[in-house]
Structures are given as C-alpha cells and as structure tokens.
Amino acid sequence: MAMYSYTIPEDKKDMYAASRAEDVESSYKDLAQVCGRVRGKTAQWAVSFLELASTGAVPILYKRHNKNLGHRRELGGVKGRYPWKAAKAVLKTLLSALANSQVKGLSEDLVIVHICANRKHVYPRLSPKGRRFRQNYDTSRIEVIVKEKVESSRDEKKARMEKAKAKSAKQKPAEEKAEAKGAAKVEGAVHGAKEAKPETKPEPTPEVKAEEKKAEKAEQNAEKKAERKQKVKSEHIRTE
C-alpha cells in the first residue's frame, strides 16, 4: 500500500491503518504546520491536542511560512498562529484513520507514523469588480497513517474484528425493533383513541343557542299573556 510519501511494508499491512482527505478547502501551509505538530505522537494525545487547537485554545508552532508572524507567549516566545480551520480538517482525517484501525482489529495504542499535507489543485479566479486581478483558489490533500505501538497477534486482531462486527450486527436489529415498537405504539394509540371515543352530539353553535333562547322567551311571554287574559275574564264575570 503506497501513499504520497510513505510506503507500508507488504508483510506488515495488518499493523497499519490509513486515511486520506482530498480537495480540502484550507491553506496547505497551515495544514502542513498542524501536521508537523502531531507527527510521531500517539493518537490519543493528537486527538486531544487537535480538539483544543480547533477551538483556538492552543496555538500552533510555525517552523516555516512564518514571515511577519507574531510571537506567542504560550509557545515560549516563538512564532505561531491559531489555524483552527486547518486543525479541524486534520482532526477529521485522523479520526477517520482511527475508525479504519478499529475495523481492521488494531489495538487502541496507536502512533502516527506518517502525516502530511500538500497542495492539490489550483483554480484561477478573477476579482468580480474593478481591475481584473487574478487570485488563485487552492485546495489541499491530507494523508494520515497510524501504526500499532505494540504488535499484537493475528488471533487478537481476529477477535477484535469479530467483536466489532457483532456490535454492529446487534445495533442494527435493536434499532429496527425500537422503530417497530414505536410505530406499533403510535398505531395502537390511534386505534384506541378511535375506539374509546363515545358518540357525542355536535355542540350547537352560538347562533343556534341564541335562537333557542328567543323561542323559550316567546313561549314564556305567551303563557304569561294567556294567564293575564284568564284573570281578566274571571274578574269580569265576578263583577257581572
């Protein structure tokens, strides 16, 4: 397996894991300095360091491409910068290499044996206004190779690979079962709500209620008038 500037021995391919990022939208100069900061370090230390650098909490030492750069107190007075965008890209590529190492059954004790960044494509661009000055749009490439710090036997690697496969196989049916249970609950709740709903008459609208009240008042007034007429008749009969 051959990378840009590193060749893995054919008899030790099982000990290595690699990853590559193409057409990265970041300065290859910043990427190269970030890669140089974690080259030869352990994978765990590199991940924790790059997480801090990606947030701007830790500066990066610039050994090259450092013209007119400021001196950083955190680095002991040497030149440095905070390339958080480049640190994010390198961190993402390193995590991809670690994921590939888990698939291959490697141990967690890994060392970064090769990491580099180079310019890939150069696209000419012109300014949209004013004088038509040319400003190139550059893309970069990142390559990472990790290796086991302590060699492990093939049986251990096979066991780790089987465990990883078993975990992935268990997770899929568990997720499917959870989705099926959720769908069944929703359907049961819908059917139960439909069955439990009693037959209720639709509530009358405010207009219907007003008309009913008017009819009741009219009936009451008619009854009162009838009673008055009867009283008047009775009194007239008595006087006669």
C-alpha atoms as a PDB file:
ATOM      1  CA  MET A   1       0.000   0.000   0.000  1.00  0.00           C
ATOM      2  CA  ALA A   2       1.697   3.212  -1.154  1.00  0.00           C
ATOM      3  CA  MET A   3       0.741   6.696  -0.075  1.00  0.00           C
ATOM      4  CA  TYR A   4       2.085  10.031  -1.257  1.00  0.00           C
ATOM      5  CA  SER A   5       5.432   9.861   0.577  1.00  0.00           C
ATOM      6  CA  TYR A   6       5.213   6.674   2.661  1.00  0.00           C
ATOM      7  CA  THR A   7       5.204   3.006   1.715  1.00  0.00           C
ATOM      8  CA  ILE A   8       3.771   0.358   4.035  1.00  0.00           C
ATOM      9  CA  PRO A   9       5.674  -2.943   4.042  1.00  0.00           C
ATOM     10  CA  GLU A  10       3.694  -5.697   2.423  1.00  0.00           C
ATOM     11  CA  ASP A  11       4.372  -8.182   5.225  1.00  0.00           C
ATOM     12  CA  LYS A  12       3.070  -5.729   7.883  1.00  0.00           C
ATOM     13  CA  LYS A  13      -0.083  -4.341   6.303  1.00  0.00           C
ATOM     14  CA  ASP A  14      -2.196  -5.666   9.177  1.00  0.00           C
ATOM     15  CA  MET A  15      -0.427  -3.332  11.607  1.00  0.00           C
ATOM     16  CA  TYR A  16      -1.256  -0.099   9.753  1.00  0.00           C
ATOM     17  CA  ALA A  17      -4.396   1.950   9.084  1.00  0.00           C
ATOM     18  CA  ALA A  18      -4.620   4.952   6.777  1.00  0.00           C
ATOM     19  CA  SER A  19      -6.976   7.694   5.650  1.00  0.00           C
ATOM     20  CA  ARG A  20      -6.906  10.496   3.113  1.00  0.00           C
ATOM     21  CA  ALA A  21      -8.821  13.740   2.606  1.00  0.00           C
ATOM     22  CA  GLU A  22      -8.974  15.253  -0.871  1.00  0.00           C
ATOM     23  CA  ASP A  23      -9.817  18.792  -2.013  1.00  0.00           C
ATOM     24  CA  VAL A  24      -9.717  20.315   1.466  1.00  0.00           C
ATOM     25  CA  GLU A  25     -10.688  23.993   1.476  1.00  0.00           C
ATOM     26  CA  SER A  26      -7.861  25.173   3.670  1.00  0.00           C
ATOM     27  CA  SER A  27      -4.351  26.576   3.255  1.00  0.00           C
ATOM     28  CA  TYR A  28      -1.803  23.823   2.667  1.00  0.00           C
ATOM     29  CA  LYS A  29       0.764  25.901   4.592  1.00  0.00           C
ATOM     30  CA  ASP A  30      -1.380  25.899   7.726  1.00  0.00           C
ATOM     31  CA  LEU A  31      -2.191  22.204   7.263  1.00  0.00           C
ATOM     32  CA  ALA A  32       1.494  21.339   6.945  1.00  0.00           C
ATOM     33  CA  GLN A  33       2.359  23.105  10.210  1.00  0.00           C
ATOM     34  CA  VAL A  34      -0.501  21.411  12.061  1.00  0.00           C
ATOM     35  CA  CYS A  35       0.588  18.012  10.731  1.00  0.00           C
ATOM     36  CA  GLY A  36       4.151  18.661  11.821  1.00  0.00           C
ATOM     37  CA  ARG A  37       2.945  19.375  15.359  1.00  0.00           C
ATOM     38  CA  VAL A  38       1.372  15.913  15.803  1.00  0.00           C
ATOM     39  CA  ARG A  39       3.749  13.812  13.686  1.00  0.00           C
ATOM     40  CA  GLY A  40       5.250  10.956  15.689  1.00  0.00           C
ATOM     41  CA  LYS A  41       2.839  11.452  18.620  1.00  0.00           C
ATOM     42  CA  THR A  42       0.352   8.956  20.000  1.00  0.00           C
ATOM     43  CA  ALA A  43      -3.127   9.019  18.519  1.00  0.00           C
ATOM     44  CA  GLN A  44      -4.852   9.790  21.838  1.00  0.00           C
ATOM     45  CA  TRP A  45      -2.607  12.788  22.536  1.00  0.00           C
ATOM     46  CA  ALA A  46      -3.023  14.069  18.972  1.00  0.00           C
ATOM     47  CA  VAL A  47      -6.829  13.888  19.162  1.00  0.00           C
ATOM     48  CA  SER A  48      -6.949  15.825  22.457  1.00  0.00           C
ATOM     49  CA  PHE A  49      -4.468  18.427  21.157  1.00  0.00           C
ATOM     50  CA  LEU A  50      -6.284  18.954  17.858  1.00  0.00           C
ATOM     51  CA  GLU A  51      -9.622  19.329  19.673  1.00  0.00           C
ATOM     52  CA  LEU A  52      -8.132  22.226  21.627  1.00  0.00           C
ATOM     53  CA  ALA A  53      -6.468  23.722  18.557  1.00  0.00           C
ATOM     54  CA  SER A  54      -9.711  23.555  16.561  1.00  0.00           C
ATOM     55  CA  THR A  55     -11.364  25.824  19.145  1.00  0.00           C
ATOM     56  CA  GLY A  56      -8.476  28.297  19.217  1.00  0.00           C
ATOM     57  CA  ALA A  57      -7.438  27.419  22.769  1.00  0.00           C
ATOM     58  CA  VAL A  58      -3.893  26.326  21.805  1.00  0.00           C
ATOM     59  CA  PRO A  59      -1.531  27.975  19.280  1.00  0.00           C
ATOM     60  CA  ILE A  60       0.416  26.060  16.612  1.00  0.00           C
ATOM     61  CA  LEU A  61       4.160  26.451  16.223  1.00  0.00           C
ATOM     62  CA  TYR A  62       5.152  27.667  12.743  1.00  0.00           C
ATOM     63  CA  LYS A  63       8.613  26.475  11.729  1.00  0.00           C
ATOM     64  CA  ARG A  64       8.107  27.555   8.100  1.00  0.00           C
ATOM     65  CA  HIS A  65       5.909  30.087   6.313  1.00  0.00           C
ATOM     66  CA  ASN A  66       6.279  32.347   9.355  1.00  0.00           C
ATOM     67  CA  LYS A  67       7.272  35.639   7.805  1.00  0.00           C
ATOM     68  CA  ASN A  68       5.849  38.657   9.686  1.00  0.00           C
ATOM     69  CA  LEU A  69       4.164  36.379  12.253  1.00  0.00           C
ATOM     70  CA  GLY A  70       3.739  37.382  15.873  1.00  0.00           C
ATOM     71  CA  HIS A  71       5.494  35.749  18.809  1.00  0.00           C
ATOM     72  CA  ARG A  72       3.323  33.701  21.169  1.00  0.00           C
ATOM     73  CA  ARG A  73       3.852  33.693  24.897  1.00  0.00           C
ATOM     74  CA  GLU A  74       2.272  30.225  25.152  1.00  0.00           C
ATOM     75  CA  LEU A  75       4.996  28.821  22.862  1.00  0.00           C
ATOM     76  CA  GLY A  76       7.876  30.379  24.771  1.00  0.00           C
ATOM     77  CA  GLY A  77       8.189  33.475  22.627  1.00  0.00           C
ATOM     78  CA  VAL A  78       8.450  31.759  19.224  1.00  0.00           C
ATOM     79  CA  LYS A  79       6.296  32.406  16.183  1.00  0.00           C
ATOM     80  CA  GLY A  80       2.878  30.800  15.975  1.00  0.00           C
ATOM     81  CA  ARG A  81      -0.724  31.177  14.942  1.00  0.00           C
ATOM     82  CA  TYR A  82      -4.230  29.802  15.611  1.00  0.00           C
ATOM     83  CA  PRO A  83      -5.237  27.897  12.431  1.00  0.00           C
ATOM     84  CA  TRP A  84      -8.472  26.449  13.802  1.00  0.00           C
ATOM     85  CA  LYS A  85      -9.853  25.591  10.339  1.00  0.00           C
ATOM     86  CA  ALA A  86      -6.777  23.533   9.414  1.00  0.00           C
ATOM     87  CA  ALA A  87      -6.836  21.829  12.823  1.00  0.00           C
ATOM     88  CA  LYS A  88     -10.451  20.755  12.255  1.00  0.00           C
ATOM     89  CA  ALA A  89      -9.586  19.226   8.874  1.00  0.00           C
ATOM     90  CA  VAL A  90      -6.588  17.309  10.286  1.00  0.00           C
ATOM     91  CA  LEU A  91      -8.664  16.102  13.255  1.00  0.00           C
ATOM     92  CA  LYS A  92     -11.377  14.781  10.967  1.00  0.00           C
ATOM     93  CA  THR A  93      -8.834  12.846   8.864  1.00  0.00           C
ATOM     94  CA  LEU A  94      -7.156  11.415  11.967  1.00  0.00           C
ATOM     95  CA  LEU A  95     -10.498  10.223  13.380  1.00  0.00           C
ATOM     96  CA  SER A  96     -11.186   8.521  10.054  1.00  0.00           C
ATOM     97  CA  ALA A  97      -7.858   6.668  10.310  1.00  0.00           C
ATOM     98  CA  LEU A  98      -8.685   5.570  13.876  1.00  0.00           C
ATOM     99  CA  ALA A  99     -12.081   4.271  12.717  1.00  0.00           C
ATOM    100  CA  ASN A 100     -10.326   2.275   9.986  1.00  0.00           C
ATOM    101  CA  SER A 101      -7.971   0.829  12.600  1.00  0.00           C
ATOM    102  CA  GLN A 102     -10.947  -0.402  14.647  1.00  0.00           C
ATOM    103  CA  VAL A 103     -12.404  -2.098  11.583  1.00  0.00           C
ATOM    104  CA  LYS A 104      -9.075  -3.858  10.990  1.00  0.00           C
ATOM    105  CA  GLY A 105      -8.969  -5.022  14.616  1.00  0.00           C
ATOM    106  CA  LEU A 106      -5.980  -2.950  15.769  1.00  0.00           C
ATOM    107  CA  SER A 107      -5.438  -2.005  19.384  1.00  0.00           C
ATOM    108  CA  GLU A 108      -6.126   1.463  20.777  1.00  0.00           C
ATOM    109  CA  ASP A 109      -2.415   2.096  21.451  1.00  0.00           C
ATOM    110  CA  LEU A 110      -1.519   3.713  18.116  1.00  0.00           C
ATOM    111  CA  VAL A 111       1.212   6.052  16.874  1.00  0.00           C
ATOM    112  CA  ILE A 112       1.075   8.476  13.963  1.00  0.00           C
ATOM    113  CA  VAL A 113       3.937   7.291  11.743  1.00  0.00           C
ATOM    114  CA  HIS A 114       3.053   9.465   8.737  1.00  0.00           C
ATOM    115  CA  ILE A 115       1.010  12.619   8.345  1.00  0.00           C
ATOM    116  CA  CYS A 116       1.422  15.283   5.681  1.00  0.00           C
ATOM    117  CA  ALA A 117      -0.456  17.944   3.734  1.00  0.00           C
ATOM    118  CA  ASN A 118       0.219  19.169   0.208  1.00  0.00           C
ATOM    119  CA  ARG A 119      -1.286  21.438  -2.390  1.00  0.00           C
ATOM    120  CA  LYS A 120      -3.552  19.605  -4.812  1.00  0.00           C
ATOM    121  CA  HIS A 121      -5.398  21.833  -7.310  1.00  0.00           C
ATOM    122  CA  VAL A 122      -5.007  25.474  -8.300  1.00  0.00           C
ATOM    123  CA  TYR A 123      -8.019  27.140  -9.907  1.00  0.00           C
ATOM    124  CA  PRO A 124      -7.518  30.624 -11.400  1.00  0.00           C
ATOM    125  CA  ARG A 125     -10.068  33.187 -10.267  1.00  0.00           C
ATOM    126  CA  LEU A 126     -10.591  36.850 -11.169  1.00  0.00           C
ATOM    127  CA  SER A 127     -11.949  39.595  -8.951  1.00  0.00           C
ATOM    128  CA  PRO A 128     -15.614  40.422  -9.685  1.00  0.00           C
ATOM    129  CA  LYS A 129     -15.158  44.206  -9.643  1.00  0.00           C
ATOM    130  CA  GLY A 130     -12.602  46.800 -10.547  1.00  0.00           C
ATOM    131  CA  ARG A 131      -9.290  45.751 -12.014  1.00  0.00           C
ATOM    132  CA  ARG A 132      -9.286  42.113 -13.036  1.00  0.00           C
ATOM    133  CA  PHE A 133      -6.568  40.829 -10.734  1.00  0.00           C
ATOM    134  CA  ARG A 134      -6.024  37.081 -10.619  1.00  0.00           C
ATOM    135  CA  GLN A 135      -6.368  35.334  -7.263  1.00  0.00           C
ATOM    136  CA  ASN A 136      -5.826  31.583  -7.290  1.00  0.00           C
ATOM    137  CA  TYR A 137      -8.155  29.226  -5.420  1.00  0.00           C
ATOM    138  CA  ASP A 138      -6.068  26.390  -3.908  1.00  0.00           C
ATOM    139  CA  THR A 139      -7.172  23.040  -2.499  1.00  0.00           C
ATOM    140  CA  SER A 140      -5.161  20.650  -0.363  1.00  0.00           C
ATOM    141  CA  ARG A 141      -4.702  16.976   0.423  1.00  0.00           C
ATOM    142  CA  ILE A 142      -4.191  15.388   3.850  1.00  0.00           C
ATOM    143  CA  GLU A 143      -2.796  11.917   4.471  1.00  0.00           C
ATOM    144  CA  VAL A 144      -2.577  10.068   7.799  1.00  0.00           C
ATOM    145  CA  ILE A 145      -1.114   6.635   8.639  1.00  0.00           C
ATOM    146  CA  VAL A 146      -1.226   5.126  12.121  1.00  0.00           C
ATOM    147  CA  LYS A 147       0.530   2.027  13.402  1.00  0.00           C
ATOM    148  CA  GLU A 148       0.236  -0.217  16.421  1.00  0.00           C
ATOM    149  CA  LYS A 149       2.689   0.759  19.126  1.00  0.00           C
ATOM    150  CA  VAL A 150       2.837  -2.808  20.423  1.00  0.00           C
ATOM    151  CA  GLU A 151       2.439  -5.636  17.939  1.00  0.00           C
ATOM    152  CA  SER A 152      -0.492  -7.963  18.580  1.00  0.00           C
ATOM    153  CA  SER A 153      -1.096 -11.457  17.297  1.00  0.00           C
ATOM    154  CA  ARG A 154      -3.456 -12.312  14.475  1.00  0.00           C
ATOM    155  CA  ASP A 155      -5.792 -14.154  16.845  1.00  0.00           C
ATOM    156  CA  GLU A 156      -6.271 -10.993  18.925  1.00  0.00           C
ATOM    157  CA  LYS A 157      -6.953  -8.966  15.793  1.00  0.00           C
ATOM    158  CA  LYS A 158      -9.499 -11.509  14.586  1.00  0.00           C
ATOM    159  CA  ALA A 159     -11.227 -11.456  17.967  1.00  0.00           C
ATOM    160  CA  ARG A 160     -11.434  -7.648  17.869  1.00  0.00           C
ATOM    161  CA  MET A 161     -12.790  -7.715  14.329  1.00  0.00           C
ATOM    162  CA  GLU A 162     -15.440 -10.256  15.346  1.00  0.00           C
ATOM    163  CA  LYS A 163     -16.422  -8.113  18.335  1.00  0.00           C
ATOM    164  CA  ALA A 164     -16.770  -5.038  16.147  1.00  0.00           C
ATOM    165  CA  LYS A 165     -18.891  -6.970  13.652  1.00  0.00           C
ATOM    166  CA  ALA A 166     -21.056  -8.411  16.445  1.00  0.00           C
ATOM    167  CA  LYS A 167     -21.642  -4.939  17.885  1.00  0.00           C
ATOM    168  CA  SER A 168     -22.678  -3.560  14.526  1.00  0.00           C
ATOM    169  CA  ALA A 169     -24.936  -6.581  13.929  1.00  0.00           C
ATOM    170  CA  LYS A 170     -26.589  -6.122  17.342  1.00  0.00           C
ATOM    171  CA  GLN A 171     -27.130  -2.420  16.916  1.00  0.00           C
ATOM    172  CA  LYS A 172     -28.994  -2.768  13.623  1.00  0.00           C
ATOM    173  CA  PRO A 173     -31.739  -5.190  14.821  1.00  0.00           C
ATOM    174  CA  ALA A 174     -32.055  -3.267  18.076  1.00  0.00           C
ATOM    175  CA  GLU A 175     -32.666  -0.043  16.153  1.00  0.00           C
ATOM    176  CA  GLU A 176     -35.140  -1.822  13.873  1.00  0.00           C
ATOM    177  CA  LYS A 177     -37.002  -3.255  16.864  1.00  0.00           C
ATOM    178  CA  ALA A 178     -37.146   0.135  18.540  1.00  0.00           C
ATOM    179  CA  GLU A 179     -38.551   1.692  15.374  1.00  0.00           C
ATOM    180  CA  ALA A 180     -41.114  -1.113  15.045  1.00  0.00           C
ATOM    181  CA  LYS A 181     -42.171  -0.720  18.691  1.00  0.00           C
ATOM    182  CA  GLY A 182     -42.547   2.999  18.277  1.00  0.00           C
ATOM    183  CA  ALA A 183     -44.684   2.549  15.168  1.00  0.00           C
ATOM    184  CA  ALA A 184     -46.840  -0.105  16.915  1.00  0.00           C
ATOM    185  CA  LYS A 185     -47.370   2.181  19.909  1.00  0.00           C
ATOM    186  CA  VAL A 186     -48.419   5.025  17.700  1.00  0.00           C
ATOM    187  CA  GLU A 187     -50.839   2.818  15.770  1.00  0.00           C
ATOM    188  CA  GLY A 188     -52.270   1.338  18.989  1.00  0.00           C
ATOM    189  CA  ALA A 189     -52.756   4.760  20.466  1.00  0.00           C
ATOM    190  CA  VAL A 190     -54.555   5.922  17.343  1.00  0.00           C
ATOM    191  CA  HIS A 191     -56.863   2.861  17.231  1.00  0.00           C
ATOM    192  CA  GLY A 192     -57.523   3.053  20.982  1.00  0.00           C
ATOM    193  CA  ALA A 193     -58.427   6.692  20.724  1.00  0.00           C
ATOM    194  CA  LYS A 194     -60.794   5.942  17.873  1.00  0.00           C
ATOM    195  CA  GLU A 195     -62.495   3.081  19.788  1.00  0.00           C
ATOM    196  CA  ALA A 196     -62.644   4.878  23.123  1.00  0.00           C
ATOM    197  CA  LYS A 197     -64.272   7.984  21.736  1.00  0.00           C
ATOM    198  CA  PRO A 198     -68.025   7.885  22.634  1.00  0.00           C
ATOM    199  CA  GLU A 199     -70.604   9.046  20.214  1.00  0.00           C
ATOM    200  CA  THR A 200     -71.245  12.658  21.116  1.00  0.00           C
ATOM    201  CA  LYS A 201     -73.617  15.054  19.504  1.00  0.00           C
ATOM    202  CA  PRO A 202     -72.127  18.094  17.939  1.00  0.00           C
ATOM    203  CA  GLU A 203     -72.310  21.128  20.188  1.00  0.00           C
ATOM    204  CA  PRO A 204     -74.732  23.808  18.961  1.00  0.00           C
ATOM    205  CA  THR A 205     -73.243  26.972  17.598  1.00  0.00           C
ATOM    206  CA  PRO A 206     -73.774  30.324  19.343  1.00  0.00           C
ATOM    207  CA  GLU A 207     -76.348  31.349  16.732  1.00  0.00           C
ATOM    208  CA  VAL A 208     -78.456  28.227  17.393  1.00  0.00           C
ATOM    209  CA  LYS A 209     -78.231  28.834  21.127  1.00  0.00           C
ATOM    210  CA  ALA A 210     -79.484  32.422  20.700  1.00  0.00           C
ATOM    211  CA  GLU A 211     -82.418  31.263  18.596  1.00  0.00           C
ATOM    212  CA  GLU A 212     -83.370  28.643  21.202  1.00  0.00           C
ATOM    213  CA  LYS A 213     -83.279  31.271  23.964  1.00  0.00           C
ATOM    214  CA  LYS A 214     -85.501  33.570  21.913  1.00  0.00           C
ATOM    215  CA  ALA A 215     -88.021  30.743  21.359  1.00  0.00           C
ATOM    216  CA  GLU A 216     -88.092  29.950  25.093  1.00  0.00           C
ATOM    217  CA  LYS A 217     -88.709  33.612  25.963  1.00  0.00           C
ATOM    218  CA  ALA A 218     -91.503  33.830  23.381  1.00  0.00           C
ATOM    219  CA  GLU A 219     -93.198  30.762  24.875  1.00  0.00           C
ATOM    220  CA  GLN A 220     -92.922  32.188  28.388  1.00  0.00           C
ATOM    221  CA  ASN A 221     -94.372  35.530  27.262  1.00  0.00           C
ATOM    222  CA  ALA A 222     -97.262  33.744  25.530  1.00  0.00           C
ATOM    223  CA  GLU A 223     -98.034  31.754  28.691  1.00  0.00           C
ATOM    224  CA  LYS A 224     -97.981  34.923  30.799  1.00  0.00           C
ATOM    225  CA  LYS A 225    -100.366  36.686  28.383  1.00  0.00           C
ATOM    226  CA  ALA A 226    -102.755  33.743  28.485  1.00  0.00           C
ATOM    227  CA  GLU A 227    -102.772  33.773  32.295  1.00  0.00           C
ATOM    228  CA  ARG A 228    -103.474  37.509  32.330  1.00  0.00           C
ATOM    229  CA  LYS A 229    -106.393  37.103  29.933  1.00  0.00           C
ATOM    230  CA  GLN A 230    -107.898  34.373  32.099  1.00  0.00           C
ATOM    231  CA  LYS A 231    -107.587  36.554  35.209  1.00  0.00           C
ATOM    232  CA  VAL A 232    -109.276  39.469  33.446  1.00  0.00           C
ATOM    233  CA  LYS A 233    -112.153  37.231  32.276  1.00  0.00           C
ATOM    234  CA  SER A 234    -112.673  35.794  35.728  1.00  0.00           C
ATOM    235  CA  GLU A 235    -112.774  39.238  37.307  1.00  0.00           C
ATOM    236  CA  HIS A 236    -115.251  40.483  34.678  1.00  0.00           C
ATOM    237  CA  ILE A 237    -117.520  37.509  35.317  1.00  0.00           C
ATOM    238  CA  ARG A 238    -117.479  38.144  39.044  1.00  0.00           C
ATOM    239  CA  THR A 239    -118.380  41.809  38.667  1.00  0.00           C
ATOM    240  CA  GLU A 240    -121.327  40.968  36.453  1.00  0.00           C
END
